[in-house]
Amino acid sequence: MIRFLLPAMVLAGAGLTAAPVGAAELTHDAASEASTRGLYLALIRQARTDGRPRAAIAYLDDFDRRHPDDRDAQILRVNCLLDLSRVDEARRALARIPASDHSGAALAIRGHVMAAQGDWTGASAQYTAALQASPADPFIANALGYALLRAGQAQAAVEALRSAGDLAPDDAVLRNNLILALTVSGRLGEAEALLARVQDGGERSRLRRQVAGEAARIAAAGAIVGPVTGPVAGPVTGAGAAAAPRGS
């Protein structure tokens, strides 16, 4: 899928040489390579979104041979490994991302690994820093809200999840996590008001049961619990919504 760009070479024999490469051609080649890289990364992201993290990792192995040390690919690999609950491998893959990288994406992926290890306080700190770096990213705000909830800070979780909902008002996962946080914090009237917005009665009933079960599990565990086995985005995904992809 990726086209290799060969450098100009001196041709042996008959006194032939390659024609000089102009600046315009070099610019075109660089743009073409960047476009091809972007298309390949889009293919990898789509494989992950489609629930095929193993295929995404296979594509990443090929991509890495052509684009070593690509930051976006490194973050994608960590996410895919977390999708498969391969936390130790994700931690090792995370170590390839320079500690000096304080971008929102890098900080968020560190938070994901901490969350997968059950370190919700550490994850909250990483997500807070990530949100400062990328304040308009609703999925970082969602991750922060869910981590705060699991760390026993339900009221702060509600505020973070409200911010996430304001940034992405049509995202069902963010709405459902807010319903969960409101339930855990005892604000049942507000939680019920949000539940009432789910038009399908059957979906609404299923979501209500799912939220009640998850709230009881968090309460029984004293909020701070061990490593998770599901998506870092949080387990409450009812009303036909799929867990939002984390990071790049």
Protein backbone atom coordinates (compact mmCIF):
# COMPACT_ATOMS: atom_id res chain seq x y z
CA MET A 1 0.00 0.00 0.00
CA ILE A 2 2.91 2.36 0.73
CA ARG A 3 4.94 3.45 -2.29
CA PHE A 4 8.69 3.59 -1.83
CA LEU A 5 10.41 6.72 -3.09
CA LEU A 6 13.82 5.93 -4.62
CA PRO A 7 16.61 8.55 -4.50
CA ALA A 8 18.12 9.83 -7.68
CA MET A 9 21.11 7.63 -8.65
CA VAL A 10 24.06 8.03 -10.96
CA LEU A 11 23.55 5.50 -13.74
CA ALA A 12 26.61 3.43 -14.58
CA GLY A 13 27.76 3.06 -18.17
CA ALA A 14 27.27 5.06 -21.34
CA GLY A 15 27.89 8.27 -19.40
CA LEU A 16 24.24 8.49 -18.33
CA THR A 17 23.21 10.30 -15.16
CA ALA A 18 19.83 10.82 -13.56
CA ALA A 19 18.17 14.08 -14.38
CA PRO A 20 18.46 16.67 -11.59
CA VAL A 21 15.55 16.62 -9.18
CA GLY A 22 14.00 20.02 -8.80
CA ALA A 23 12.65 21.53 -5.60
CA ALA A 24 9.09 21.18 -6.89
CA GLU A 25 9.56 17.42 -7.40
CA LEU A 26 11.03 17.01 -3.92
CA THR A 27 8.12 18.90 -2.42
CA HIS A 28 5.66 16.71 -4.35
CA ASP A 29 7.41 13.53 -3.19
CA ALA A 30 7.35 14.65 0.45
CA ALA A 31 3.66 15.51 0.18
CA SER A 32 2.94 12.14 -1.44
CA GLU A 33 4.79 10.28 1.33
CA ALA A 34 2.92 12.22 4.03
CA SER A 35 -0.39 11.46 2.33
CA THR A 36 0.43 7.75 2.09
CA ARG A 37 1.43 7.68 5.76
CA GLY A 38 -1.85 9.32 6.71
CA LEU A 39 -3.88 6.88 4.65
CA TYR A 40 -2.14 3.90 6.25
CA LEU A 41 -2.72 5.27 9.75
CA ALA A 42 -6.38 5.82 8.87
CA LEU A 43 -6.60 2.16 7.80
CA ILE A 44 -5.09 1.07 11.11
CA ARG A 45 -7.44 3.27 13.12
CA GLN A 46 -10.40 1.89 11.19
CA ALA A 47 -9.35 -1.68 11.94
CA ARG A 48 -9.29 -0.83 15.64
CA THR A 49 -12.63 0.97 15.48
CA ASP A 50 -14.10 -2.09 13.77
CA GLY A 51 -13.05 -4.24 16.72
CA ARG A 52 -10.04 -5.83 14.99
CA PRO A 53 -7.10 -4.80 17.21
CA ARG A 54 -5.04 -7.83 16.16
CA ALA A 55 -5.28 -6.78 12.52
CA ALA A 56 -4.39 -3.23 13.53
CA ILE A 57 -1.26 -4.52 15.30
CA ALA A 58 -0.27 -6.51 12.20
CA TYR A 59 -0.63 -3.37 10.10
CA LEU A 60 1.42 -1.44 12.68
CA ASP A 61 4.23 -3.99 12.43
CA ASP A 62 4.41 -3.30 8.71
CA PHE A 63 4.03 0.46 9.19
CA ASP A 64 6.87 0.54 11.74
CA ARG A 65 9.31 -0.91 9.23
CA ARG A 66 8.59 1.98 6.92
CA HIS A 67 8.08 4.73 9.49
CA PRO A 68 10.10 3.85 12.60
CA ASP A 69 9.52 5.86 15.78
CA ASP A 70 6.29 7.41 14.48
CA ARG A 71 4.55 8.88 17.55
CA ASP A 72 0.99 8.36 16.24
CA ALA A 73 1.74 4.72 15.48
CA GLN A 74 3.26 4.21 18.93
CA ILE A 75 0.11 5.55 20.58
CA LEU A 76 -2.08 3.38 18.37
CA ARG A 77 -0.07 0.30 19.35
CA VAL A 78 -0.54 0.96 23.06
CA ASN A 79 -4.27 1.42 22.55
CA CYS A 80 -4.58 -1.80 20.56
CA LEU A 81 -2.68 -3.76 23.22
CA LEU A 82 -4.97 -2.33 25.89
CA ASP A 83 -7.99 -3.36 23.79
CA LEU A 84 -6.64 -6.92 24.07
CA SER A 85 -5.93 -6.56 27.83
CA ARG A 86 -2.21 -7.12 27.12
CA VAL A 87 -1.27 -4.58 29.77
CA ASP A 88 2.37 -5.60 30.28
CA GLU A 89 3.02 -5.31 26.54
CA ALA A 90 1.21 -1.97 26.49
CA ARG A 91 3.46 -0.72 29.28
CA ARG A 92 6.56 -1.77 27.34
CA ALA A 93 5.23 -0.13 24.17
CA LEU A 94 4.51 3.03 26.16
CA ALA A 95 8.18 3.20 27.16
CA ARG A 96 9.04 3.91 23.52
CA ILE A 97 7.22 7.24 23.71
CA PRO A 98 9.70 9.84 25.07
CA ALA A 99 9.00 11.00 28.60
CA SER A 100 9.59 14.53 27.32
CA ASP A 101 6.44 14.28 25.16
CA HIS A 102 3.81 16.29 27.02
CA SER A 103 1.25 16.43 24.23
CA GLY A 104 -2.36 15.69 25.07
CA ALA A 105 -2.23 12.38 23.21
CA ALA A 106 0.93 11.19 25.00
CA LEU A 107 -0.35 12.19 28.43
CA ALA A 108 -3.70 10.52 27.75
CA ILE A 109 -2.12 7.22 26.68
CA ARG A 110 -0.08 7.20 29.89
CA GLY A 111 -3.35 7.63 31.73
CA HIS A 112 -4.88 4.70 29.84
CA VAL A 113 -2.06 2.39 30.91
CA MET A 114 -2.34 3.51 34.53
CA ALA A 115 -6.11 2.98 34.42
CA ALA A 116 -5.63 -0.51 33.01
CA GLN A 117 -3.34 -1.25 35.95
CA GLY A 118 -5.96 -0.03 38.42
CA ASP A 119 -4.05 3.15 39.34
CA TRP A 120 -7.02 5.49 39.04
CA THR A 121 -5.41 8.31 41.03
CA GLY A 122 -2.37 8.28 38.77
CA ALA A 123 -4.60 8.04 35.71
CA SER A 124 -6.61 11.04 36.89
CA ALA A 125 -3.42 13.11 37.18
CA GLN A 126 -2.35 12.16 33.65
CA TYR A 127 -5.79 12.91 32.21
CA THR A 128 -5.89 16.26 34.01
CA ALA A 129 -2.58 17.22 32.40
CA ALA A 130 -3.77 15.86 29.04
CA LEU A 131 -6.92 17.96 29.22
CA GLN A 132 -4.85 21.05 29.94
CA ALA A 133 -2.86 20.30 26.79
CA SER A 134 -5.98 19.47 24.72
CA PRO A 135 -8.89 21.27 26.44
CA ALA A 136 -11.38 20.69 23.60
CA ASP A 137 -10.99 16.89 23.49
CA PRO A 138 -14.23 15.35 24.85
CA PHE A 139 -12.77 11.84 25.09
CA ILE A 140 -9.96 12.96 27.36
CA ALA A 141 -12.56 14.71 29.52
CA ASN A 142 -14.60 11.49 29.53
CA ALA A 143 -11.54 9.45 30.55
CA LEU A 144 -10.78 11.95 33.32
CA GLY A 145 -14.36 11.80 34.59
CA TYR A 146 -14.42 8.01 34.67
CA ALA A 147 -11.00 7.83 36.37
CA LEU A 148 -12.10 10.34 39.01
CA LEU A 149 -15.22 8.25 39.61
CA ARG A 150 -13.16 5.10 40.10
CA ALA A 151 -10.79 7.03 42.38
CA GLY A 152 -13.69 7.91 44.69
CA GLN A 153 -14.17 11.53 43.56
CA ALA A 154 -17.74 11.29 42.29
CA GLN A 155 -18.58 15.00 42.41
CA ALA A 156 -15.45 15.96 40.48
CA ALA A 157 -16.26 13.15 38.04
CA VAL A 158 -19.69 14.65 37.40
CA GLU A 159 -18.16 18.01 36.51
CA ALA A 160 -15.59 16.46 34.17
CA LEU A 161 -18.24 14.36 32.45
CA ARG A 162 -20.56 17.36 32.07
CA SER A 163 -17.71 19.15 30.31
CA ALA A 164 -17.21 16.13 28.07
CA GLY A 165 -20.92 16.09 27.26
CA ASP A 166 -20.89 19.77 26.38
CA LEU A 167 -18.07 19.11 23.92
CA ALA A 168 -19.80 16.08 22.35
CA PRO A 169 -23.51 16.34 23.18
CA ASP A 170 -24.56 13.48 20.91
CA ASP A 171 -22.12 10.89 22.25
CA ALA A 172 -24.05 8.19 24.13
CA VAL A 173 -21.01 6.80 25.98
CA LEU A 174 -20.28 10.20 27.53
CA ARG A 175 -23.94 10.61 28.49
CA ASN A 176 -24.07 7.14 30.03
CA ASN A 177 -20.92 7.70 32.07
CA LEU A 178 -22.44 10.94 33.35
CA ILE A 179 -25.57 9.02 34.37
CA LEU A 180 -23.32 6.57 36.22
CA ALA A 181 -21.42 9.36 38.01
CA LEU A 182 -24.66 11.07 39.02
CA THR A 183 -25.98 7.77 40.36
CA VAL A 184 -22.82 7.03 42.36
CA SER A 185 -22.85 10.55 43.81
CA GLY A 186 -26.48 10.16 44.93
CA ARG A 187 -27.91 12.67 42.48
CA LEU A 188 -30.60 10.26 41.37
CA GLY A 189 -33.07 12.85 40.10
CA GLU A 190 -30.52 14.24 37.66
CA ALA A 191 -29.55 10.74 36.58
CA GLU A 192 -33.19 9.85 35.95
CA ALA A 193 -33.70 13.05 33.94
CA LEU A 194 -30.88 12.02 31.61
CA LEU A 195 -32.22 8.47 31.38
CA ALA A 196 -35.59 9.87 30.34
CA ARG A 197 -33.96 11.28 27.19
CA VAL A 198 -33.39 7.73 25.88
CA GLN A 199 -36.40 7.36 23.60
CA ASP A 200 -36.55 3.58 23.31
CA GLY A 201 -38.18 2.14 26.44
CA GLY A 202 -36.37 -1.18 26.22
CA GLU A 203 -32.98 0.48 25.80
CA ARG A 204 -33.77 2.83 28.67
CA SER A 205 -34.63 -0.08 30.98
CA ARG A 206 -31.49 -1.98 30.02
CA LEU A 207 -29.34 1.11 30.55
CA ARG A 208 -30.94 1.74 33.95
CA ARG A 209 -30.10 -1.82 35.04
CA GLN A 210 -26.58 -1.55 33.68
CA VAL A 211 -25.94 1.73 35.50
CA ALA A 212 -27.38 0.34 38.76
CA GLY A 213 -25.20 -2.75 38.52
CA GLU A 214 -22.03 -0.80 37.77
CA ALA A 215 -22.77 1.74 40.53
CA ALA A 216 -23.24 -1.13 43.02
CA ARG A 217 -19.97 -2.74 41.89
CA ILE A 218 -18.04 0.51 42.37
CA ALA A 219 -19.63 1.07 45.78
CA ALA A 220 -18.88 -2.49 46.91
CA ALA A 221 -15.25 -2.11 45.86
CA GLY A 222 -14.89 1.14 47.74
CA ALA A 223 -14.56 3.03 44.42
CA ILE A 224 -10.85 2.24 44.03
CA VAL A 225 -10.67 -1.14 42.37
CA GLY A 226 -8.13 -3.34 40.63
CA PRO A 227 -7.16 -3.54 36.96
CA VAL A 228 -9.98 -3.35 34.44
CA THR A 229 -10.57 -5.87 31.67
CA GLY A 230 -12.79 -3.73 29.43
CA PRO A 231 -12.23 -0.52 27.48
CA VAL A 232 -10.68 2.36 29.39
CA ALA A 233 -13.56 4.49 28.15
CA GLY A 234 -15.71 2.91 30.87
CA PRO A 235 -18.12 0.01 30.95
CA VAL A 236 -21.42 1.85 30.63
CA THR A 237 -22.15 1.85 26.91
CA GLY A 238 -25.88 1.20 26.63
CA ALA A 239 -28.42 2.63 24.18
CA GLY A 240 -26.65 1.05 21.25
CA ALA A 241 -23.46 3.03 21.75
CA ALA A 242 -20.00 1.59 21.31
CA ALA A 243 -17.12 2.55 23.54
CA ALA A 244 -15.36 5.57 22.15
CA PRO A 245 -11.87 4.97 20.75
CA ARG A 246 -9.15 6.21 23.08
CA GLY A 247 -6.53 8.46 21.70
CA SER A 248 -5.12 8.35 18.21
